[in-house]
Amino acid sequence: MRTTLTTMLLALAGSAQAHITLEQPEAMAGSSYRAVFKVGHGCNGAATKEIIVTLPEGLRGAKPSPKPGWTLTTKRRMLKSPYDSHGQPIIDELAEVRWLANGEANQLQDAWYDEFVLRTSLPVEAGELAFAVRQVCTEGEWNWAERPTADNPRPRAPAVRLIVRPAVAAPAGHTH
């Protein structure tokens, strides 16, 4: 019994370390959100040379943070429903962010840890958002994009999930 419990705990600990995660996996609907993608390992011992994040639809004003030693590029997509921001029509949104190491000296070694960051405004509706993250290494890659299903509740390469909680209404009271 003790061996089985120890084995299960080690397996869970390994799976918790085995993918890219968000520093804050929950946030309030309609709030500003700083998405910090934590990368804790490479690909079977190989260094990470590229991180590509595909953003879910519905985020507003997403902006990636540049990293010293990495080239930052982005792709945009047209919105299904344009909106106004500060009197300006917004017709497209950030769809993909790509960080590429500028040479071997800047690659994220398998034994090292780093973070890749972007800021955005979350949708006003509660729910779950999934970020697909492709981790390209000097040998091999991981495509962290799988969603749990009834047949596969614990995918091998899960997408990075953000739980968007309902916004809390301000308490009624007197105002000045």
Protein backbone atom coordinates (compact mmCIF):
# COMPACT_ATOMS: atom_id res chain seq x y z
CA MET A 1 0.00 0.00 0.00
CA ARG A 2 2.77 2.43 0.95
CA THR A 3 4.67 1.69 -2.29
CA THR A 4 1.54 2.27 -4.38
CA LEU A 5 0.85 5.60 -2.66
CA THR A 6 4.46 6.71 -3.11
CA THR A 7 4.38 5.74 -6.79
CA MET A 8 1.13 7.67 -7.32
CA LEU A 9 2.50 10.78 -5.58
CA LEU A 10 5.68 10.67 -7.65
CA ALA A 11 3.65 10.28 -10.85
CA LEU A 12 1.48 13.27 -9.93
CA ALA A 13 4.51 15.36 -9.02
CA GLY A 14 6.13 14.45 -12.34
CA SER A 15 3.04 15.35 -14.33
CA ALA A 16 2.74 18.67 -12.50
CA GLN A 17 6.28 19.51 -13.64
CA ALA A 18 5.85 18.03 -17.11
CA HIS A 19 4.22 20.91 -18.95
CA ILE A 20 4.13 24.66 -19.41
CA THR A 21 1.94 26.37 -16.82
CA LEU A 22 0.62 29.81 -15.94
CA GLU A 23 1.87 31.54 -12.82
CA GLN A 24 -1.74 32.57 -12.06
CA PRO A 25 -4.09 29.89 -13.47
CA GLU A 26 -7.25 31.80 -12.43
CA ALA A 27 -8.37 35.40 -12.94
CA MET A 28 -11.51 37.55 -12.83
CA ALA A 29 -13.62 38.12 -15.96
CA GLY A 30 -13.12 41.55 -17.50
CA SER A 31 -9.87 42.17 -15.65
CA SER A 32 -6.41 43.01 -16.87
CA TYR A 33 -4.27 39.85 -16.78
CA ARG A 34 -0.53 39.23 -16.86
CA ALA A 35 -0.02 35.80 -18.41
CA VAL A 36 3.30 34.38 -17.20
CA PHE A 37 4.09 31.14 -19.05
CA LYS A 38 6.48 29.10 -16.89
CA VAL A 39 8.87 26.80 -18.78
CA GLY A 40 10.51 24.29 -16.48
CA HIS A 41 12.29 21.96 -18.88
CA GLY A 42 13.32 21.36 -22.47
CA CYS A 43 12.54 18.38 -24.70
CA ASN A 44 13.99 15.16 -23.30
CA GLY A 45 17.19 16.91 -22.29
CA ALA A 46 17.43 19.27 -25.29
CA ALA A 47 17.47 23.07 -24.91
CA THR A 48 14.42 25.18 -25.81
CA LYS A 49 15.10 27.52 -28.72
CA GLU A 50 11.58 28.77 -29.49
CA ILE A 51 8.26 29.32 -27.70
CA ILE A 52 5.12 29.96 -29.77
CA VAL A 53 1.89 30.86 -27.94
CA THR A 54 -1.43 30.77 -29.80
CA LEU A 55 -3.90 32.99 -27.99
CA PRO A 56 -7.55 32.03 -27.58
CA GLU A 57 -10.15 34.32 -29.12
CA GLY A 58 -11.78 36.95 -26.94
CA LEU A 59 -8.73 38.57 -25.37
CA ARG A 60 -8.46 42.32 -25.82
CA GLY A 61 -5.37 44.45 -26.23
CA ALA A 62 -2.87 41.62 -25.76
CA LYS A 63 0.77 42.77 -25.70
CA PRO A 64 3.79 40.47 -25.36
CA SER A 65 6.85 41.32 -23.31
CA PRO A 66 10.19 41.21 -25.14
CA LYS A 67 13.00 39.09 -23.67
CA PRO A 68 16.66 40.01 -23.88
CA GLY A 69 18.42 37.51 -26.16
CA TRP A 70 15.20 36.49 -27.91
CA THR A 71 13.53 37.83 -31.08
CA LEU A 72 9.84 38.58 -30.62
CA THR A 73 7.38 38.31 -33.54
CA THR A 74 3.59 38.32 -33.64
CA LYS A 75 0.69 37.40 -35.91
CA ARG A 76 -2.76 38.98 -35.85
CA ARG A 77 -6.24 37.77 -36.88
CA MET A 78 -9.38 39.65 -37.89
CA LEU A 79 -12.10 39.95 -35.26
CA LYS A 80 -15.53 38.47 -35.86
CA SER A 81 -17.00 41.44 -33.96
CA PRO A 82 -14.89 44.63 -34.07
CA TYR A 83 -15.13 47.00 -31.10
CA ASP A 84 -14.14 50.53 -30.09
CA SER A 85 -11.24 51.31 -27.76
CA HIS A 86 -10.63 54.92 -26.75
CA GLY A 87 -12.53 56.11 -29.83
CA GLN A 88 -10.55 53.91 -32.23
CA PRO A 89 -12.08 50.95 -34.10
CA ILE A 90 -10.35 47.66 -33.29
CA ILE A 91 -10.73 45.19 -36.17
CA ASP A 92 -8.04 42.62 -35.37
CA GLU A 93 -6.39 40.99 -32.35
CA LEU A 94 -3.14 39.33 -31.43
CA ALA A 95 -3.33 35.67 -32.46
CA GLU A 96 0.20 34.36 -31.94
CA VAL A 97 3.37 35.36 -30.10
CA ARG A 98 6.73 33.83 -30.99
CA TRP A 99 9.95 34.14 -28.98
CA LEU A 100 13.03 32.79 -30.81
CA ALA A 101 16.41 32.50 -29.06
CA ASN A 102 19.12 34.60 -30.70
CA GLY A 103 21.69 31.83 -30.97
CA GLU A 104 22.82 28.94 -28.81
CA ALA A 105 24.01 31.13 -25.91
CA ASN A 106 20.42 32.40 -25.39
CA GLN A 107 18.63 29.05 -25.58
CA LEU A 108 16.86 27.84 -22.44
CA GLN A 109 18.82 24.81 -21.33
CA ASP A 110 16.87 21.77 -20.10
CA ALA A 111 18.19 22.24 -16.54
CA TRP A 112 17.11 25.91 -16.45
CA TYR A 113 13.80 27.65 -15.81
CA ASP A 114 12.40 30.80 -17.44
CA GLU A 115 9.18 32.73 -18.05
CA PHE A 116 7.56 34.25 -21.14
CA VAL A 117 5.06 37.05 -20.49
CA LEU A 118 2.18 38.88 -22.13
CA ARG A 119 -0.49 41.25 -20.82
CA THR A 120 -4.11 41.28 -21.91
CA SER A 121 -7.68 42.09 -20.88
CA LEU A 122 -9.87 39.07 -20.25
CA PRO A 123 -13.36 38.53 -21.66
CA VAL A 124 -16.29 39.69 -19.50
CA GLU A 125 -17.76 36.18 -19.58
CA ALA A 126 -16.53 33.54 -17.15
CA GLY A 127 -15.23 30.27 -18.56
CA GLU A 128 -12.03 28.51 -19.49
CA LEU A 129 -9.44 29.74 -21.97
CA ALA A 130 -6.82 27.46 -23.51
CA PHE A 131 -3.48 28.69 -24.84
CA ALA A 132 -1.70 26.33 -27.23
CA VAL A 133 2.05 26.55 -26.61
CA ARG A 134 4.57 25.03 -29.00
CA GLN A 135 7.97 24.45 -27.42
CA VAL A 136 10.64 23.90 -30.08
CA CYS A 137 13.94 22.49 -28.88
CA THR A 138 17.33 21.85 -30.45
CA GLU A 139 16.14 18.25 -30.77
CA GLY A 140 12.42 17.60 -30.82
CA GLU A 141 9.48 19.67 -29.66
CA TRP A 142 6.34 19.64 -27.52
CA ASN A 143 3.01 20.92 -28.75
CA TRP A 144 1.17 21.74 -25.52
CA ALA A 145 -2.29 21.96 -27.11
CA GLU A 146 -4.34 18.94 -26.07
CA ARG A 147 -7.67 19.46 -24.29
CA PRO A 148 -9.07 16.91 -21.84
CA THR A 149 -11.87 14.72 -23.21
CA ALA A 150 -14.03 11.92 -21.82
CA ASP A 151 -11.71 9.42 -23.53
CA ASN A 152 -8.53 11.26 -22.49
CA PRO A 153 -9.10 13.19 -19.24
CA ARG A 154 -5.33 13.61 -18.65
CA PRO A 155 -3.67 14.47 -21.97
CA ARG A 156 0.07 13.90 -22.35
CA ALA A 157 0.66 17.44 -23.72
CA PRO A 158 -2.11 19.58 -22.19
CA ALA A 159 -2.88 23.09 -23.39
CA VAL A 160 -2.16 25.86 -20.90
CA ARG A 161 -5.49 26.55 -19.17
CA LEU A 162 -6.77 29.75 -17.61
CA ILE A 163 -9.96 29.66 -15.54
CA VAL A 164 -11.83 32.96 -15.91
CA ARG A 165 -13.97 33.42 -12.79
CA PRO A 166 -17.13 35.56 -12.74
CA ALA A 167 -16.49 39.17 -11.80
CA VAL A 168 -17.53 40.00 -8.26
CA ALA A 169 -20.10 42.79 -8.07
CA ALA A 170 -19.15 45.74 -5.89
CA PRO A 171 -21.10 45.73 -2.61
CA ALA A 172 -23.97 48.17 -2.39
CA GLY A 173 -23.36 51.07 -0.09
CA HIS A 174 -23.06 54.77 -0.03
CA THR A 175 -20.81 56.59 -2.45
CA HIS A 176 -19.13 59.97 -2.26
